[in-house]
Every structure is written in structure tokens, then in C-alpha cells.
N, C-alpha and C. Protein backbone atom coordinates (compact mmCIF):
# COMPACT_ATOMS: atom_id res chain seq x y z
N UNK A 1 42.73 -24.76 5.68
CA UNK A 1 41.30 -24.88 4.94
C UNK A 1 40.30 -25.24 5.85
N UNK A 2 40.41 -26.45 6.70
CA UNK A 2 39.36 -26.76 7.05
C UNK A 2 38.60 -26.21 8.27
N UNK A 3 39.85 -24.65 8.83
CA UNK A 3 39.42 -23.84 9.95
C UNK A 3 38.30 -23.14 9.15
N UNK A 4 38.76 -22.67 7.94
CA UNK A 4 37.73 -21.74 6.93
C UNK A 4 36.47 -22.41 6.61
N UNK A 5 36.40 -23.69 6.44
CA UNK A 5 35.20 -24.29 6.38
C UNK A 5 34.34 -24.00 7.30
N UNK A 6 34.82 -24.32 8.46
CA UNK A 6 34.48 -24.57 9.97
C UNK A 6 33.77 -23.10 10.29
N UNK A 7 34.58 -22.01 10.07
CA UNK A 7 34.18 -20.64 10.28
C UNK A 7 33.07 -20.38 9.25
N UNK A 8 33.01 -20.75 8.20
CA UNK A 8 32.14 -20.45 7.00
C UNK A 8 30.64 -21.29 7.71
N UNK A 9 30.65 -22.31 7.82
CA UNK A 9 29.45 -22.98 8.17
C UNK A 9 29.02 -22.45 9.71
N UNK A 10 29.91 -21.99 10.64
CA UNK A 10 29.32 -21.27 11.52
C UNK A 10 28.90 -20.00 11.55
N UNK A 11 29.24 -19.29 10.41
CA UNK A 11 28.54 -18.04 10.23
C UNK A 11 27.55 -18.06 9.30
N UNK A 12 27.36 -19.33 8.65
CA UNK A 12 26.10 -19.57 8.28
C UNK A 12 25.00 -19.69 9.18
N UNK A 13 25.10 -20.46 10.04
CA UNK A 13 24.35 -21.03 11.07
C UNK A 13 24.20 -20.00 12.03
N UNK A 14 24.88 -19.27 12.34
CA UNK A 14 24.26 -17.97 13.25
C UNK A 14 23.65 -17.01 12.30
N UNK A 15 23.92 -16.94 11.00
CA UNK A 15 23.14 -16.04 10.18
C UNK A 15 21.73 -16.46 9.87
N UNK A 16 21.50 -17.56 9.74
CA UNK A 16 20.09 -18.11 9.66
C UNK A 16 19.27 -18.15 10.64
N UNK A 17 20.04 -18.27 11.96
CA UNK A 17 19.38 -18.26 13.44
C UNK A 17 19.02 -16.76 13.39
N UNK A 18 19.90 -15.87 13.13
CA UNK A 18 19.52 -14.61 13.35
C UNK A 18 18.44 -14.10 12.28
N UNK A 19 18.22 -14.29 11.14
CA UNK A 19 17.39 -14.11 10.39
C UNK A 19 16.12 -14.44 10.81
N UNK A 20 15.98 -15.76 11.03
CA UNK A 20 14.92 -16.78 11.46
C UNK A 20 14.36 -15.92 12.46
N UNK A 21 15.14 -15.77 13.46
CA UNK A 21 14.38 -14.66 14.79
C UNK A 21 13.93 -13.58 14.36
N UNK A 22 14.28 -12.71 13.26
CA UNK A 22 14.00 -11.45 13.16
C UNK A 22 12.64 -11.53 12.20
N UNK A 23 12.54 -12.61 11.80
CA UNK A 23 11.26 -12.92 10.70
C UNK A 23 10.14 -13.50 11.48
N UNK A 24 10.33 -14.13 12.77
CA UNK A 24 9.17 -14.90 13.25
C UNK A 24 7.81 -13.89 13.60
N UNK A 25 6.91 -14.70 13.28
CA UNK A 25 5.40 -13.96 13.53
C UNK A 25 5.20 -13.52 14.59
N UNK A 26 5.83 -13.72 15.89
CA UNK A 26 5.33 -12.97 16.98
C UNK A 26 6.20 -11.62 16.76
N UNK A 27 6.86 -11.34 16.27
CA UNK A 27 7.62 -9.92 16.02
C UNK A 27 5.85 -8.67 15.91
N UNK A 28 6.04 -7.90 16.79
CA UNK A 28 5.19 -6.83 16.57
C UNK A 28 5.63 -5.91 15.51
N UNK A 29 5.03 -5.87 14.34
CA UNK A 29 5.42 -5.52 13.06
C UNK A 29 4.15 -4.79 12.70
N UNK A 30 3.97 -3.37 12.46
CA UNK A 30 2.98 -2.78 11.96
C UNK A 30 2.18 -1.74 13.08
N UNK A 31 0.74 -1.63 13.00
CA UNK A 31 0.01 -1.47 13.88
C UNK A 31 -1.26 -1.57 13.41
N UNK A 32 -2.20 -1.84 14.39
CA UNK A 32 -3.51 -1.68 14.39
C UNK A 32 -4.54 -1.04 13.93
N UNK A 33 -5.03 -1.36 12.99
CA UNK A 33 -5.88 -0.16 12.22
C UNK A 33 -7.09 0.11 13.11
N UNK A 34 -7.38 1.30 13.88
CA UNK A 34 -8.37 1.71 14.82
C UNK A 34 -9.65 2.11 14.25
N UNK A 35 -9.56 2.49 12.83
CA UNK A 35 -10.64 2.92 12.33
C UNK A 35 -11.47 1.74 11.36
N UNK A 36 -10.57 0.79 11.74
CA UNK A 36 -11.76 -0.60 11.02
C UNK A 36 -11.82 -1.56 12.15
N UNK A 37 -11.56 -1.27 13.12
CA UNK A 37 -11.66 -2.09 14.19
C UNK A 37 -12.98 -2.33 15.16
N UNK A 38 -14.00 -1.25 14.40
CA UNK A 38 -15.27 -1.43 15.39
C UNK A 38 -16.03 -2.60 14.98
N UNK A 39 -16.82 -3.11 15.88
CA UNK A 39 -17.31 -4.46 15.97
C UNK A 39 -18.83 -4.01 15.13
N UNK A 40 -19.53 -2.98 15.44
CA UNK A 40 -20.70 -2.95 14.61
C UNK A 40 -20.13 -1.94 13.27
N UNK A 41 -21.14 -2.69 12.21
CA UNK A 41 -20.96 -1.48 10.93
C UNK A 41 -21.35 -0.43 10.92
N UNK A 42 -21.00 0.51 10.37
CA UNK A 42 -21.25 1.98 10.56
C UNK A 42 -22.81 2.34 9.92
N UNK A 43 -23.46 3.34 10.34
CA UNK A 43 -25.13 3.11 9.54
C UNK A 43 -25.05 4.12 8.67
N UNK A 44 -24.02 4.86 8.20
CA UNK A 44 -23.76 6.12 7.41
C UNK A 44 -24.29 7.60 8.06
N UNK A 45 -24.82 7.56 9.20
CA UNK A 45 -25.17 9.15 9.87
C UNK A 45 -24.14 9.49 9.87
N UNK A 46 -23.37 9.17 10.15
CA UNK A 46 -22.02 9.96 10.74
C UNK A 46 -21.15 10.93 9.57
N UNK A 47 -21.72 11.66 8.82
CA UNK A 47 -21.00 12.15 7.49
C UNK A 47 -20.06 13.24 8.21
N UNK A 48 -19.23 13.42 6.73
CA UNK A 48 -18.25 15.11 7.33
C UNK A 48 -19.31 16.17 7.16
N UNK A 49 -18.60 17.05 7.81
CA UNK A 49 -19.44 18.44 7.72
C UNK A 49 -19.69 18.74 6.46
N UNK A 50 -20.80 19.34 5.84
CA UNK A 50 -21.19 19.57 4.41
C UNK A 50 -19.92 20.81 3.77
N UNK A 51 -19.09 21.34 4.72
CA UNK A 51 -18.38 22.41 3.99
C UNK A 51 -17.16 21.58 3.54
N UNK A 52 -17.10 20.15 3.87
CA UNK A 52 -15.69 19.47 3.40
C UNK A 52 -16.47 18.29 2.53
N UNK A 53 -17.85 17.96 2.25
CA UNK A 53 -18.24 17.26 1.28
C UNK A 53 -18.07 17.95 -0.48
N UNK A 54 -17.83 17.10 -1.18
CA UNK A 54 -18.07 17.89 -2.63
C UNK A 54 -19.01 18.12 -3.07
N UNK A 55 -19.46 19.14 -3.85
CA UNK A 55 -20.71 19.48 -4.59
C UNK A 55 -20.63 18.51 -5.96
N UNK A 56 -21.43 17.57 -6.05
CA UNK A 56 -21.48 16.55 -7.67
C UNK A 56 -22.15 17.68 -8.64
N UNK A 57 -22.77 18.81 -8.37
CA UNK A 57 -23.60 19.55 -9.17
C UNK A 57 -22.66 20.96 -9.38
N UNK A 58 -21.57 20.97 -8.80
CA UNK A 58 -20.88 22.20 -8.96
C UNK A 58 -20.30 22.57 -10.17
N UNK A 59 -19.60 23.96 -10.27
CA UNK A 59 -19.31 24.47 -11.73
C UNK A 59 -17.64 23.96 -11.69
N UNK A 60 -17.48 23.15 -12.94
CA UNK A 60 -16.05 22.80 -12.85
C UNK A 60 -15.14 23.85 -13.68
N UNK A 61 -14.32 24.37 -13.51
CA UNK A 61 -13.11 25.01 -14.18
C UNK A 61 -12.81 24.92 -15.65
N UNK A 62 -12.68 25.64 -16.74
CA UNK A 62 -12.46 25.20 -17.79
C UNK A 62 -10.96 24.63 -17.94
N UNK A 63 -9.92 25.33 -17.18
CA UNK A 63 -8.99 24.39 -17.07
C UNK A 63 -8.60 23.08 -16.49
N UNK A 64 -9.67 22.70 -15.53
CA UNK A 64 -9.80 21.33 -15.30
C UNK A 64 -10.45 20.33 -16.27
N UNK A 65 -11.18 20.69 -17.23
CA UNK A 65 -12.06 19.80 -18.02
C UNK A 65 -11.35 19.01 -18.56
N UNK A 66 -9.85 19.46 -19.17
CA UNK A 66 -9.08 18.53 -19.87
C UNK A 66 -8.44 17.36 -18.91
N UNK A 67 -8.36 17.37 -17.69
CA UNK A 67 -7.85 16.45 -16.99
C UNK A 67 -8.77 15.41 -16.50
N UNK A 68 -10.60 16.24 -16.43
CA UNK A 68 -11.63 14.99 -16.26
C UNK A 68 -11.74 14.30 -17.68
N UNK A 69 -11.63 14.76 -18.85
CA UNK A 69 -12.10 13.85 -19.93
C UNK A 69 -11.20 12.30 -20.06
N UNK A 70 -12.26 11.30 -20.55
CA UNK A 70 -11.60 10.06 -20.70
C UNK A 70 -10.68 10.00 -21.88
N UNK A 71 -9.96 8.81 -21.04
CA UNK A 71 -8.98 8.70 -21.83
C UNK A 71 -9.11 7.93 -23.11
N UNK A 72 -8.64 8.50 -24.35
CA UNK A 72 -9.01 7.87 -25.54
C UNK A 72 -7.71 7.66 -26.63
N UNK A 73 -7.64 6.39 -26.84
CA UNK A 73 -6.60 5.61 -27.70
C UNK A 73 -6.63 6.15 -29.28
N UNK A 74 -5.60 6.39 -29.65
CA UNK A 74 -5.49 6.48 -31.13
C UNK A 74 -4.95 5.20 -32.02
N UNK A 75 -5.55 4.34 -32.81
CA UNK A 75 -5.18 3.21 -33.26
C UNK A 75 -3.50 3.45 -33.57
N UNK A 76 -2.96 2.51 -33.53
CA UNK A 76 -1.49 2.50 -34.06
C UNK A 76 -1.40 2.43 -35.39
N UNK A 77 -0.40 3.08 -36.04
CA UNK A 77 -0.13 3.02 -37.27
C UNK A 77 0.64 1.87 -37.15
N UNK A 78 0.58 1.06 -38.22
CA UNK A 78 1.66 -0.07 -38.32
C UNK A 78 2.73 0.35 -39.26
N UNK A 79 3.62 0.34 -39.46
CA UNK A 79 4.58 0.07 -40.48
C UNK A 79 4.27 -0.92 -41.86
N UNK A 80 4.49 -0.50 -43.15
CA UNK A 80 3.98 -1.17 -43.73
C UNK A 80 5.51 -1.53 -44.64
């Protein structure tokens, strides 16, 4: 019985040490976002090619109009 308790305590101790080591803040997790690492703010003069920018005044097809309509909720009918 005492051997089982000692083994259980030893397993708990080793498990906590392994978990603490894997969760240490020095672990290199993820990557540095290089697009956000610039020192100087962007001035907006470097935009995408005009062929890749959407046309805000362009025609919207009829089948897409329903998906662009704002969501409206009907009031729920309460049972009387």
C-alpha cells in the first residue's frame, strides 16, 4: 500500500515537472508577424493593384442582393 502511494506521489511530481517545463514562457511558440513589425506607420500610398480593388459603384447581380440585405427580425409571437 505504501509503495503504491509513493509511486503515485512520484508520478504526480514528475508529471507536474513535465507540464511546467512544456508550459514555460521561454518556449518558442508561434511566429512573429512580419507584416506588423514595421517601425514606421504606413502612409497608404502603397495600395493593391486597381484590378484587385473592389468597385464600390459596381453593379450587384440580382442573386447577390438577398445576401446583402440587412437582417430584420420579426417579433416572436407569444403563446397566450
